[in-house]
Amino acid sequence: MKLAEIRELNQDELNAQILGAQKELFEARFKHSMHQLDDTDALRRLRHRIAQCKTVLAEKSGKVQLKVVAPAAKPAKAAKAAKVEEPVAEAAVSTEEAVTEAPKKASKSKAAGGEKKSTGTAKKTEQADS
């Protein structure tokens, strides 16, 4: 059933459609659990139809109001260019900081690695002596 056809139904008919679709969905879920349902897409279609009917019913009862939103105006190209330049400038600063800090970190790790090696060899010689 198409949405235009659903919108033409009155509230009693919508309630009947919802109940009927819920009953079909229950039966389809049962068949699916027993591996007897050939068309597994029927579950999705039934849930979709129930949701459509409930939405139209809510619209008709006045609980839900649809708002038509106009698309937002596109920002000027100059504003886009300004936004794009800012992250690039920040990235350049971050790269420079990383370059200046990288050798410091490398020298520390070499020294730490050297100390670990000498400590490890001392332990090996002690074990060999035992």
Protein backbone atom coordinates (compact mmCIF):
# COMPACT_ATOMS: atom_id res chain seq x y z
CA MET A 1 0.00 0.00 0.00
CA LYS A 2 1.43 3.38 -0.98
CA LEU A 3 1.71 6.31 1.39
CA ALA A 4 -0.79 8.34 -0.65
CA GLU A 5 -3.34 5.52 -0.23
CA ILE A 6 -2.63 5.35 3.50
CA ARG A 7 -3.21 9.09 3.88
CA GLU A 8 -6.68 8.71 2.33
CA LEU A 9 -7.81 6.26 5.03
CA ASN A 10 -9.74 7.45 8.08
CA GLN A 11 -8.65 6.72 11.65
CA ASP A 12 -10.67 3.53 12.05
CA GLU A 13 -9.30 2.13 8.80
CA LEU A 14 -5.77 3.08 9.85
CA ASN A 15 -6.19 1.27 13.17
CA ALA A 16 -7.46 -1.78 11.28
CA GLN A 17 -4.43 -1.62 8.95
CA ILE A 18 -2.07 -1.38 11.92
CA LEU A 19 -3.65 -4.34 13.69
CA GLY A 20 -3.66 -6.41 10.51
CA ALA A 21 -0.02 -5.62 9.77
CA GLN A 22 0.98 -6.39 13.36
CA LYS A 23 -0.76 -9.75 13.13
CA GLU A 24 1.00 -10.50 9.83
CA LEU A 25 4.32 -9.45 11.37
CA PHE A 26 3.78 -11.77 14.33
CA GLU A 27 3.06 -14.69 11.99
CA ALA A 28 6.02 -13.83 9.77
CA ARG A 29 8.36 -13.70 12.78
CA PHE A 30 7.06 -17.06 13.93
CA LYS A 31 7.63 -18.60 10.49
CA HIS A 32 11.05 -16.99 10.31
CA SER A 33 12.06 -18.55 13.64
CA MET A 34 10.93 -21.95 12.34
CA HIS A 35 12.89 -21.40 9.08
CA GLN A 36 9.68 -21.57 7.05
CA LEU A 37 9.60 -17.96 5.83
CA ASP A 38 10.76 -17.73 2.22
CA ASP A 39 10.49 -13.96 1.87
CA THR A 40 12.53 -12.54 4.76
CA ASP A 41 12.14 -9.04 3.31
CA ALA A 42 8.48 -9.26 4.36
CA LEU A 43 9.53 -8.51 7.95
CA ARG A 44 11.06 -5.20 6.92
CA ARG A 45 8.11 -4.28 4.68
CA LEU A 46 5.59 -5.02 7.45
CA ARG A 47 7.50 -2.95 10.01
CA HIS A 48 7.69 -0.13 7.48
CA ARG A 49 3.96 -0.28 6.76
CA ILE A 50 3.13 -0.24 10.48
CA ALA A 51 5.35 2.79 10.97
CA GLN A 52 3.75 4.60 8.04
CA CYS A 53 0.24 3.92 9.35
CA LYS A 54 1.15 5.03 12.86
CA THR A 55 2.72 8.22 11.51
CA VAL A 56 -0.33 9.11 9.43
CA LEU A 57 -2.60 8.29 12.36
CA ALA A 58 -0.57 10.60 14.63
CA GLU A 59 -0.73 13.35 12.00
CA LYS A 60 -4.50 13.04 11.75
CA SER A 61 -4.98 13.08 15.52
CA GLY A 62 -2.92 16.26 15.74
CA LYS A 63 -0.12 14.83 17.86
CA VAL A 64 2.48 15.26 15.17
CA GLN A 65 2.88 18.16 12.80
CA LEU A 66 5.11 17.88 9.80
CA LYS A 67 7.37 20.84 9.25
CA VAL A 68 8.59 21.65 5.79
CA VAL A 69 12.11 22.95 6.12
CA ALA A 70 13.59 25.01 3.33
CA PRO A 71 17.14 24.05 2.38
CA ALA A 72 19.77 26.25 3.97
CA ALA A 73 21.43 28.87 1.81
CA LYS A 74 24.91 28.02 0.64
CA PRO A 75 27.66 30.01 2.33
CA ALA A 76 29.75 32.35 0.24
CA LYS A 77 32.94 30.99 -1.29
CA ALA A 78 35.06 33.45 0.70
CA ALA A 79 33.69 32.03 3.95
CA LYS A 80 34.51 28.52 2.81
CA ALA A 81 38.04 29.52 1.88
CA ALA A 82 38.60 31.12 5.29
CA LYS A 83 37.42 27.99 7.07
CA VAL A 84 39.67 25.76 4.98
CA GLU A 85 42.79 27.85 5.60
CA GLU A 86 42.54 27.76 9.40
CA PRO A 87 43.01 23.99 9.86
CA VAL A 88 45.89 24.00 7.36
CA ALA A 89 47.68 26.72 9.36
CA GLU A 90 47.20 24.75 12.57
CA ALA A 91 48.46 21.60 10.92
CA ALA A 92 51.64 23.41 9.83
CA VAL A 93 52.32 24.50 13.42
CA SER A 94 51.71 20.99 14.67
CA THR A 95 54.10 19.57 12.07
CA GLU A 96 56.85 22.02 13.02
CA GLU A 97 56.45 21.16 16.69
CA ALA A 98 56.55 17.48 15.89
CA VAL A 99 59.76 17.91 13.85
CA THR A 100 61.52 19.80 16.64
CA GLU A 101 60.38 17.34 19.30
CA ALA A 102 61.09 14.20 17.30
CA PRO A 103 64.93 14.31 17.57
CA LYS A 104 64.68 14.90 21.33
CA LYS A 105 62.51 11.86 21.76
CA ALA A 106 64.77 9.77 19.55
CA SER A 107 67.90 10.68 21.50
CA LYS A 108 66.21 9.82 24.79
CA SER A 109 65.06 6.47 23.50
CA LYS A 110 68.56 5.62 22.25
CA ALA A 111 70.07 6.43 25.63
CA ALA A 112 67.43 4.42 27.41
CA GLY A 113 67.93 1.56 24.98
CA GLY A 114 71.69 1.63 25.50
CA GLU A 115 71.31 1.42 29.24
CA LYS A 116 68.95 -1.49 28.95
CA LYS A 117 71.40 -3.39 26.78
CA SER A 118 74.26 -2.96 29.20
CA THR A 119 72.05 -4.04 32.08
CA GLY A 120 70.89 -7.06 30.16
CA THR A 121 74.42 -8.15 29.28
CA ALA A 122 75.51 -7.81 32.90
CA LYS A 123 72.71 -10.15 33.90
CA LYS A 124 73.74 -12.61 31.24
CA THR A 125 77.33 -12.65 32.45
CA GLU A 126 76.16 -13.15 36.02
CA GLN A 127 74.04 -16.11 34.91
CA ALA A 128 76.94 -17.55 32.95
CA ASP A 129 79.21 -17.31 35.99
CA SER A 130 76.73 -19.26 38.15
